[in-house]
């Protein structure tokens, strides 16, 4: 039962970023809707005043501002990544990128080693297969395994669009 609970919690935890993205997207869409309404009101006022060409000019200026803002944001992100990596060797940059995978592979190899060695030791000392499996693949091991799988592969279900 605890295994099922931790599996569900791990799976749902992997989806937290998508839930946060949902609320961020909702706020962004609300802001865009407010901006569109303001722009529509301004266009109607300009058209009433007979300034339809001014509306087109304002649209072009607005698109230009939006493009510049997106470009500035992208440049700031690139500059931040470059600043973090300044003075670091390629080895350090690659090591920083490999922390999570190396820890995961290391824990997986440790798990496999302990399970195989434990099973070999159990069989060589005369323990029956069923008793060996019950001791090696107990509830705690199921919880660990389910948590790891849910963390790494549970988020993929949320990232599909």
N, C-alpha and C. Protein backbone atom coordinates (compact mmCIF):
# COMPACT_ATOMS: atom_id res chain seq x y z
N UNK A 1 0.82 -1.19 0.00
CA UNK A 1 0.00 0.00 0.00
C UNK A 1 0.87 1.26 0.00
N UNK A 2 1.93 1.22 0.81
CA UNK A 2 2.84 2.36 0.86
C UNK A 2 3.54 2.54 -0.48
N UNK A 3 3.82 1.43 -1.16
CA UNK A 3 4.45 1.51 -2.48
C UNK A 3 3.54 2.25 -3.44
N UNK A 4 2.27 1.91 -3.42
CA UNK A 4 1.31 2.56 -4.30
C UNK A 4 1.23 4.06 -3.98
N UNK A 5 1.20 4.38 -2.70
CA UNK A 5 1.14 5.78 -2.29
C UNK A 5 2.36 6.55 -2.77
N UNK A 6 3.56 6.01 -2.54
CA UNK A 6 4.77 6.73 -2.97
C UNK A 6 4.88 6.81 -4.48
N UNK A 7 4.40 5.79 -5.17
CA UNK A 7 4.40 5.84 -6.64
C UNK A 7 3.51 6.96 -7.13
N UNK A 8 2.33 7.07 -6.55
CA UNK A 8 1.39 8.11 -6.96
C UNK A 8 1.96 9.49 -6.62
N UNK A 9 2.53 9.63 -5.42
CA UNK A 9 3.12 10.91 -5.02
C UNK A 9 4.27 11.27 -5.95
N UNK A 10 5.14 10.31 -6.27
CA UNK A 10 6.27 10.58 -7.15
C UNK A 10 5.79 10.97 -8.54
N UNK A 11 4.78 10.27 -9.03
CA UNK A 11 4.24 10.55 -10.36
C UNK A 11 3.64 11.96 -10.39
N UNK A 12 2.87 12.30 -9.34
CA UNK A 12 2.26 13.62 -9.31
C UNK A 12 3.29 14.72 -9.12
N UNK A 13 4.34 14.44 -8.36
CA UNK A 13 5.40 15.43 -8.15
C UNK A 13 6.08 15.77 -9.47
N UNK A 14 6.22 14.79 -10.33
CA UNK A 14 6.84 15.05 -11.62
C UNK A 14 5.97 15.99 -12.45
N UNK A 15 4.68 16.07 -12.15
CA UNK A 15 3.79 16.94 -12.91
C UNK A 15 3.64 18.33 -12.34
N UNK A 16 4.26 18.62 -11.20
CA UNK A 16 4.14 19.94 -10.58
C UNK A 16 4.57 21.06 -11.53
N UNK A 17 5.69 20.90 -12.27
CA UNK A 17 6.04 22.00 -13.19
C UNK A 17 4.96 22.28 -14.23
N UNK A 18 4.27 21.25 -14.70
CA UNK A 18 3.21 21.48 -15.68
C UNK A 18 2.03 22.21 -15.05
N UNK A 19 1.73 21.91 -13.78
CA UNK A 19 0.65 22.61 -13.09
C UNK A 19 1.01 24.08 -12.94
N UNK A 20 2.26 24.34 -12.56
CA UNK A 20 2.71 25.73 -12.42
C UNK A 20 2.69 26.44 -13.77
N UNK A 21 3.09 25.72 -14.82
CA UNK A 21 3.04 26.29 -16.17
C UNK A 21 1.61 26.63 -16.56
N UNK A 22 0.65 25.78 -16.13
CA UNK A 22 -0.76 26.03 -16.44
C UNK A 22 -1.20 27.37 -15.85
N UNK A 23 -0.86 27.60 -14.56
CA UNK A 23 -1.26 28.84 -13.93
C UNK A 23 -0.53 30.04 -14.55
N UNK A 24 0.72 29.86 -14.91
CA UNK A 24 1.47 30.93 -15.57
C UNK A 24 0.83 31.24 -16.92
N UNK A 25 0.48 30.21 -17.67
CA UNK A 25 -0.14 30.39 -18.98
C UNK A 25 -1.50 31.07 -18.83
N UNK A 26 -2.23 30.70 -17.78
CA UNK A 26 -3.54 31.30 -17.54
C UNK A 26 -3.38 32.80 -17.28
N UNK A 27 -2.38 33.16 -16.46
CA UNK A 27 -2.13 34.57 -16.19
C UNK A 27 -1.68 35.31 -17.44
N UNK A 28 -0.83 34.66 -18.25
CA UNK A 28 -0.36 35.28 -19.49
C UNK A 28 -1.52 35.53 -20.44
N UNK A 29 -2.41 34.55 -20.55
CA UNK A 29 -3.55 34.71 -21.46
C UNK A 29 -4.49 35.81 -20.98
N UNK A 30 -4.65 35.91 -19.66
CA UNK A 30 -5.49 36.98 -19.12
C UNK A 30 -4.90 38.34 -19.47
N UNK A 31 -3.57 38.44 -19.30
CA UNK A 31 -2.89 39.70 -19.63
C UNK A 31 -3.02 40.01 -21.12
N UNK A 32 -2.83 39.00 -21.95
CA UNK A 32 -2.95 39.21 -23.40
C UNK A 32 -4.36 39.64 -23.77
N UNK A 33 -5.35 39.05 -23.11
CA UNK A 33 -6.74 39.42 -23.40
C UNK A 33 -6.99 40.88 -23.00
N UNK A 34 -6.47 41.29 -21.85
CA UNK A 34 -6.62 42.68 -21.43
C UNK A 34 -5.93 43.61 -22.42
N UNK A 35 -4.73 43.24 -22.87
CA UNK A 35 -4.02 44.06 -23.84
C UNK A 35 -4.79 44.15 -25.16
N UNK A 36 -5.36 43.03 -25.58
CA UNK A 36 -6.13 43.03 -26.83
C UNK A 36 -7.36 43.91 -26.71
N UNK A 37 -8.01 43.88 -25.55
CA UNK A 37 -9.18 44.72 -25.36
C UNK A 37 -8.80 46.20 -25.37
N UNK A 38 -7.69 46.52 -24.72
CA UNK A 38 -7.23 47.92 -24.74
C UNK A 38 -6.88 48.36 -26.16
N UNK A 39 -6.24 47.48 -26.88
CA UNK A 39 -5.85 47.81 -28.26
C UNK A 39 -7.09 47.98 -29.12
N UNK A 40 -8.09 47.12 -28.91
CA UNK A 40 -9.33 47.23 -29.68
C UNK A 40 -10.03 48.54 -29.38
N UNK A 41 -10.07 48.92 -28.12
CA UNK A 41 -10.69 50.20 -27.76
C UNK A 41 -9.96 51.37 -28.41
N UNK A 42 -8.63 51.31 -28.39
CA UNK A 42 -7.83 52.37 -28.99
C UNK A 42 -8.08 52.44 -30.49
N UNK A 43 -8.15 51.27 -31.14
CA UNK A 43 -8.41 51.25 -32.59
C UNK A 43 -9.77 51.84 -32.91
N UNK A 44 -10.76 51.51 -32.11
CA UNK A 44 -12.10 52.06 -32.35
C UNK A 44 -12.11 53.58 -32.18
N UNK A 45 -11.40 54.06 -31.18
CA UNK A 45 -11.32 55.52 -30.99
C UNK A 45 -10.61 56.19 -32.16
N UNK A 46 -9.53 55.57 -32.62
CA UNK A 46 -8.79 56.14 -33.75
C UNK A 46 -9.64 56.11 -35.03
N UNK A 47 -10.38 55.03 -35.23
CA UNK A 47 -11.22 54.94 -36.42
C UNK A 47 -12.34 55.99 -36.38
N UNK A 48 -12.86 56.20 -35.19
CA UNK A 48 -13.89 57.23 -35.05
C UNK A 48 -13.33 58.60 -35.43
N UNK A 49 -12.09 58.79 -35.09
CA UNK A 49 -11.46 60.07 -35.40
C UNK A 49 -10.97 60.11 -36.85
N UNK A 50 -11.15 59.04 -37.60
CA UNK A 50 -10.76 59.01 -39.00
C UNK A 50 -9.27 58.76 -39.19
N UNK A 51 -8.66 58.08 -38.25
CA UNK A 51 -7.23 57.85 -38.32
C UNK A 51 -6.93 56.36 -38.51
N UNK A 52 -7.50 55.75 -39.53
CA UNK A 52 -7.30 54.33 -39.77
C UNK A 52 -5.84 54.01 -40.10
N UNK A 53 -5.18 54.91 -40.80
CA UNK A 53 -3.78 54.65 -41.14
C UNK A 53 -2.91 54.69 -39.88
N UNK A 54 -3.29 55.51 -38.93
CA UNK A 54 -2.55 55.57 -37.66
C UNK A 54 -2.64 54.23 -36.93
N UNK A 55 -3.75 53.54 -37.07
CA UNK A 55 -3.92 52.23 -36.44
C UNK A 55 -2.90 51.25 -37.00
N UNK A 56 -2.74 51.27 -38.30
CA UNK A 56 -1.77 50.37 -38.95
C UNK A 56 -0.35 50.68 -38.47
N UNK A 57 -0.03 51.95 -38.35
CA UNK A 57 1.30 52.33 -37.88
C UNK A 57 1.51 51.85 -36.44
N UNK A 58 0.49 52.00 -35.62
CA UNK A 58 0.59 51.55 -34.22
C UNK A 58 0.73 50.03 -34.14
N UNK A 59 0.05 49.32 -35.01
CA UNK A 59 0.19 47.86 -35.03
C UNK A 59 1.62 47.45 -35.38
N UNK A 60 2.18 48.13 -36.36
CA UNK A 60 3.55 47.83 -36.76
C UNK A 60 4.51 48.13 -35.61
N UNK A 61 4.31 49.25 -34.92
CA UNK A 61 5.16 49.60 -33.79
C UNK A 61 5.01 48.57 -32.66
N UNK A 62 3.79 48.14 -32.43
CA UNK A 62 3.54 47.16 -31.37
C UNK A 62 4.24 45.83 -31.69
N UNK A 63 4.12 45.38 -32.94
CA UNK A 63 4.79 44.14 -33.34
C UNK A 63 6.31 44.27 -33.21
N UNK A 64 6.83 45.43 -33.55
CA UNK A 64 8.27 45.67 -33.44
C UNK A 64 8.72 45.61 -31.98
N UNK A 65 7.93 46.20 -31.10
CA UNK A 65 8.26 46.18 -29.67
C UNK A 65 8.22 44.75 -29.13
N UNK A 66 7.23 43.99 -29.54
CA UNK A 66 7.11 42.60 -29.09
C UNK A 66 8.31 41.78 -29.56
N UNK A 67 8.70 41.97 -30.79
CA UNK A 67 9.85 41.25 -31.34
C UNK A 67 11.13 41.62 -30.61
N UNK A 68 11.31 42.90 -30.35
CA UNK A 68 12.49 43.35 -29.62
C UNK A 68 12.51 42.80 -28.20
N UNK A 69 11.35 42.73 -27.55
CA UNK A 69 11.29 42.20 -26.18
C UNK A 69 11.66 40.72 -26.17
N UNK A 70 11.14 39.96 -27.12
CA UNK A 70 11.46 38.54 -27.19
C UNK A 70 12.94 38.33 -27.47
N UNK A 71 13.49 39.14 -28.35
CA UNK A 71 14.91 39.05 -28.68
C UNK A 71 15.77 39.41 -27.47
N UNK A 72 15.38 40.44 -26.75
CA UNK A 72 16.13 40.85 -25.56
C UNK A 72 16.10 39.76 -24.49
N UNK A 73 14.96 39.15 -24.33
CA UNK A 73 14.84 38.07 -23.34
C UNK A 73 15.73 36.89 -23.72
N UNK A 74 15.71 36.51 -24.97
CA UNK A 74 16.54 35.39 -25.44
C UNK A 74 18.02 35.72 -25.25
N UNK A 75 18.42 36.94 -25.57
CA UNK A 75 19.81 37.36 -25.39
C UNK A 75 20.21 37.34 -23.92
N UNK A 76 19.30 37.76 -23.05
CA UNK A 76 19.60 37.75 -21.61
C UNK A 76 19.78 36.32 -21.11
N UNK A 77 18.97 35.40 -21.60
CA UNK A 77 19.12 33.99 -21.20
C UNK A 77 20.45 33.43 -21.69
N UNK A 78 20.81 33.74 -22.91
CA UNK A 78 22.09 33.28 -23.43
C UNK A 78 23.25 33.88 -22.64
N UNK A 79 23.15 35.16 -22.33
CA UNK A 79 24.21 35.82 -21.56
C UNK A 79 24.33 35.20 -20.17
N UNK A 80 23.22 34.85 -19.57
CA UNK A 80 23.25 34.22 -18.25
C UNK A 80 23.96 32.88 -18.33
N UNK A 81 23.63 32.06 -19.32
CA UNK A 81 24.29 30.76 -19.49
C UNK A 81 25.78 30.94 -19.72
N UNK A 82 26.15 31.92 -20.53
CA UNK A 82 27.56 32.18 -20.81
C UNK A 82 28.27 32.64 -19.54
N UNK A 83 27.61 33.51 -18.77
CA UNK A 83 28.21 34.04 -17.54
C UNK A 83 28.46 32.92 -16.53
N UNK A 84 27.55 31.99 -16.43
CA UNK A 84 27.72 30.87 -15.51
C UNK A 84 28.92 30.03 -15.92
N UNK A 85 29.13 29.87 -17.20
CA UNK A 85 30.19 29.01 -17.71
C UNK A 85 31.54 29.71 -17.82
N UNK A 86 31.59 31.03 -17.62
CA UNK A 86 32.85 31.75 -17.76
C UNK A 86 33.87 31.24 -16.75
N UNK A 87 35.07 31.05 -17.24
CA UNK A 87 36.15 30.62 -16.37
C UNK A 87 36.14 29.15 -16.05
N UNK A 88 35.10 28.46 -16.46
CA UNK A 88 35.01 27.02 -16.18
C UNK A 88 35.56 26.25 -17.37
N UNK A 89 36.18 25.15 -17.06
CA UNK A 89 36.70 24.31 -18.13
C UNK A 89 35.57 23.50 -18.75
N UNK A 90 35.83 22.96 -19.91
CA UNK A 90 34.83 22.11 -20.56
C UNK A 90 34.48 20.94 -19.67
N UNK A 91 35.50 20.44 -18.98
CA UNK A 91 35.27 19.32 -18.08
C UNK A 91 34.27 19.70 -16.98
N UNK A 92 34.43 20.89 -16.41
CA UNK A 92 33.53 21.33 -15.33
C UNK A 92 32.11 21.53 -15.85
N UNK A 93 31.99 22.08 -17.04
CA UNK A 93 30.67 22.30 -17.63
C UNK A 93 29.99 20.96 -17.88
N UNK A 94 30.73 20.01 -18.45
CA UNK A 94 30.17 18.69 -18.70
C UNK A 94 29.85 17.97 -17.40
N UNK A 95 30.70 18.13 -16.39
CA UNK A 95 30.45 17.49 -15.09
C UNK A 95 29.17 18.04 -14.46
N UNK A 96 28.96 19.35 -14.58
CA UNK A 96 27.74 19.96 -14.04
C UNK A 96 26.50 19.40 -14.73
N UNK A 97 26.61 19.17 -16.02
CA UNK A 97 25.47 18.64 -16.76
C UNK A 97 25.22 17.16 -16.47
N UNK A 98 26.23 16.45 -15.98
CA UNK A 98 26.10 15.01 -15.78
C UNK A 98 25.76 14.61 -14.34
N UNK A 99 25.55 15.55 -13.45
CA UNK A 99 25.32 15.21 -12.05
C UNK A 99 24.12 14.29 -11.87
N UNK A 100 22.97 14.70 -12.34
CA UNK A 100 21.77 13.88 -12.13
C UNK A 100 21.85 12.52 -12.83
N UNK A 101 22.28 12.46 -14.10
CA UNK A 101 22.37 11.14 -14.72
C UNK A 101 23.37 10.22 -14.03
N UNK A 102 24.51 10.75 -13.61
CA UNK A 102 25.52 9.90 -12.96
C UNK A 102 25.00 9.36 -11.64
N UNK A 103 24.35 10.21 -10.86
CA UNK A 103 23.77 9.74 -9.60
C UNK A 103 22.72 8.67 -9.86
N UNK A 104 21.89 8.86 -10.85
CA UNK A 104 20.86 7.88 -11.16
C UNK A 104 21.48 6.56 -11.61
N UNK A 105 22.43 6.63 -12.53
CA UNK A 105 23.09 5.39 -12.99
C UNK A 105 23.84 4.71 -11.86
N UNK A 106 24.49 5.49 -11.00
CA UNK A 106 25.20 4.90 -9.87
C UNK A 106 24.27 4.19 -8.92
N UNK A 107 23.15 4.81 -8.59
CA UNK A 107 22.18 4.15 -7.71
C UNK A 107 21.57 2.92 -8.36
N UNK A 108 21.33 2.99 -9.66
CA UNK A 108 20.79 1.83 -10.35
C UNK A 108 21.79 0.68 -10.34
N UNK A 109 23.07 0.97 -10.62
CA UNK A 109 24.10 -0.08 -10.59
C UNK A 109 24.26 -0.66 -9.19
N UNK A 110 24.19 0.19 -8.18
CA UNK A 110 24.26 -0.29 -6.80
C UNK A 110 23.08 -1.20 -6.49
N UNK A 111 21.90 -0.80 -6.92
CA UNK A 111 20.71 -1.62 -6.72
C UNK A 111 20.86 -2.98 -7.38
N UNK A 112 21.29 -2.98 -8.63
CA UNK A 112 21.47 -4.25 -9.36
C UNK A 112 22.53 -5.11 -8.68
N UNK A 113 23.65 -4.52 -8.28
CA UNK A 113 24.71 -5.28 -7.62
C UNK A 113 24.22 -5.90 -6.33
N UNK A 114 23.55 -5.12 -5.50
CA UNK A 114 23.06 -5.64 -4.21
C UNK A 114 22.05 -6.76 -4.44
N UNK A 115 21.15 -6.57 -5.38
CA UNK A 115 20.13 -7.59 -5.62
C UNK A 115 20.75 -8.88 -6.17
N UNK A 116 21.66 -8.76 -7.15
CA UNK A 116 22.27 -9.95 -7.73
C UNK A 116 23.15 -10.67 -6.71
N UNK A 117 23.98 -9.88 -5.99
CA UNK A 117 24.85 -10.49 -4.98
C UNK A 117 24.02 -11.11 -3.87
N UNK A 118 22.97 -10.44 -3.43
CA UNK A 118 22.10 -10.99 -2.38
C UNK A 118 21.42 -12.27 -2.83
N UNK A 119 20.97 -12.29 -4.08
CA UNK A 119 20.32 -13.50 -4.60
C UNK A 119 21.34 -14.64 -4.69
N UNK A 120 22.54 -14.35 -5.18
CA UNK A 120 23.59 -15.37 -5.28
C UNK A 120 23.94 -15.91 -3.90
N UNK A 121 24.10 -15.01 -2.94
CA UNK A 121 24.45 -15.43 -1.58
C UNK A 121 23.33 -16.27 -0.98
N UNK A 122 22.08 -15.87 -1.19
CA UNK A 122 20.95 -16.63 -0.64
C UNK A 122 20.88 -18.03 -1.21
N UNK A 123 21.05 -18.16 -2.51
CA UNK A 123 20.97 -19.48 -3.16
C UNK A 123 22.15 -20.34 -2.74
N UNK A 124 23.36 -19.73 -2.63
CA UNK A 124 24.54 -20.52 -2.27
C UNK A 124 24.51 -20.98 -0.81
N UNK A 125 23.75 -20.30 0.04
CA UNK A 125 23.66 -20.73 1.44
C UNK A 125 22.45 -21.61 1.69
N UNK A 126 21.72 -21.97 0.66
CA UNK A 126 20.62 -22.93 0.81
C UNK A 126 19.27 -22.32 1.09
N UNK A 127 19.13 -21.04 0.93
CA UNK A 127 17.83 -20.40 1.14
C UNK A 127 16.97 -20.67 -0.09
N UNK A 128 15.69 -20.94 0.12
CA UNK A 128 14.81 -21.23 -1.01
C UNK A 128 14.60 -19.96 -1.84
N UNK A 129 14.21 -20.17 -3.08
CA UNK A 129 14.02 -19.07 -4.02
C UNK A 129 12.97 -18.10 -3.50
N UNK A 130 11.86 -18.60 -3.00
CA UNK A 130 10.77 -17.74 -2.54
C UNK A 130 11.20 -16.87 -1.36
N UNK A 131 11.91 -17.46 -0.40
CA UNK A 131 12.38 -16.69 0.76
C UNK A 131 13.40 -15.64 0.31
N UNK A 132 14.29 -16.03 -0.60
CA UNK A 132 15.30 -15.08 -1.10
C UNK A 132 14.62 -13.90 -1.78
N UNK A 133 13.65 -14.16 -2.62
CA UNK A 133 12.96 -13.08 -3.33
C UNK A 133 12.16 -12.20 -2.38
N UNK A 134 11.54 -12.81 -1.37
CA UNK A 134 10.78 -12.02 -0.40
C UNK A 134 11.69 -11.09 0.38
N UNK A 135 12.91 -11.54 0.67
CA UNK A 135 13.84 -10.71 1.43
C UNK A 135 14.53 -9.67 0.57
N UNK A 136 14.82 -10.02 -0.68
CA UNK A 136 15.53 -9.08 -1.55
C UNK A 136 14.60 -8.03 -2.15
N UNK A 137 13.45 -8.45 -2.59
CA UNK A 137 12.51 -7.54 -3.25
C UNK A 137 11.37 -7.24 -2.29
N UNK A 138 11.71 -6.62 -1.16
CA UNK A 138 10.73 -6.33 -0.12
C UNK A 138 10.01 -5.01 -0.43
N UNK A 139 9.17 -4.59 0.49
CA UNK A 139 8.38 -3.37 0.27
C UNK A 139 9.26 -2.13 0.12
N UNK A 140 10.32 -2.07 0.91
CA UNK A 140 11.20 -0.89 0.81
C UNK A 140 11.85 -0.79 -0.57
N UNK A 141 12.27 -1.93 -1.11
CA UNK A 141 12.91 -1.91 -2.43
C UNK A 141 11.88 -1.56 -3.50
N UNK A 142 10.68 -2.01 -3.35
CA UNK A 142 9.62 -1.65 -4.30
C UNK A 142 9.35 -0.15 -4.27
N UNK A 143 9.39 0.42 -3.07
CA UNK A 143 9.14 1.86 -2.92
C UNK A 143 10.25 2.65 -3.63
N UNK A 144 11.50 2.24 -3.40
CA UNK A 144 12.63 2.94 -4.02
C UNK A 144 12.52 2.86 -5.55
N UNK A 145 12.28 1.65 -6.03
CA UNK A 145 12.21 1.44 -7.48
C UNK A 145 11.05 2.22 -8.09
N UNK A 146 9.88 2.17 -7.47
CA UNK A 146 8.72 2.89 -7.99
C UNK A 146 8.95 4.39 -7.98
N UNK A 147 9.61 4.90 -6.94
CA UNK A 147 9.88 6.34 -6.86
C UNK A 147 10.83 6.79 -7.96
N UNK A 148 11.88 6.02 -8.20
CA UNK A 148 12.83 6.38 -9.25
C UNK A 148 12.16 6.36 -10.62
N UNK A 149 11.42 5.31 -10.91
CA UNK A 149 10.75 5.23 -12.21
C UNK A 149 9.71 6.33 -12.38
N UNK A 150 8.96 6.60 -11.33
CA UNK A 150 7.94 7.65 -11.43
C UNK A 150 8.57 9.02 -11.62
N UNK A 151 9.70 9.26 -10.95
CA UNK A 151 10.36 10.56 -11.09
C UNK A 151 10.87 10.77 -12.51
N UNK A 152 11.57 9.77 -13.06
CA UNK A 152 12.19 9.94 -14.37
C UNK A 152 11.22 9.80 -15.52
N UNK A 153 10.25 8.90 -15.40
CA UNK A 153 9.38 8.65 -16.55
C UNK A 153 7.97 9.21 -16.36
N UNK A 154 7.60 9.57 -15.14
CA UNK A 154 6.27 10.13 -14.90
C UNK A 154 6.11 11.49 -15.53
N UNK A 155 7.17 12.28 -15.56
CA UNK A 155 7.08 13.63 -16.13
C UNK A 155 6.86 13.59 -17.64
N UNK A 156 7.20 12.50 -18.27
CA UNK A 156 7.00 12.42 -19.73
C UNK A 156 5.53 12.39 -20.09
N UNK A 157 4.70 11.85 -19.19
CA UNK A 157 3.27 11.84 -19.46
C UNK A 157 2.72 13.26 -19.44
N UNK A 158 3.29 14.11 -18.58
CA UNK A 158 2.82 15.49 -18.47
C UNK A 158 3.37 16.36 -19.60
N UNK A 159 4.51 15.99 -20.17
CA UNK A 159 5.14 16.84 -21.18
C UNK A 159 4.57 16.62 -22.58
N UNK A 160 3.72 15.64 -22.75
CA UNK A 160 3.10 15.43 -24.07
C UNK A 160 2.05 16.49 -24.31
N UNK A 161 2.02 16.98 -25.51
CA UNK A 161 1.02 18.02 -25.83
C UNK A 161 0.19 17.58 -27.01
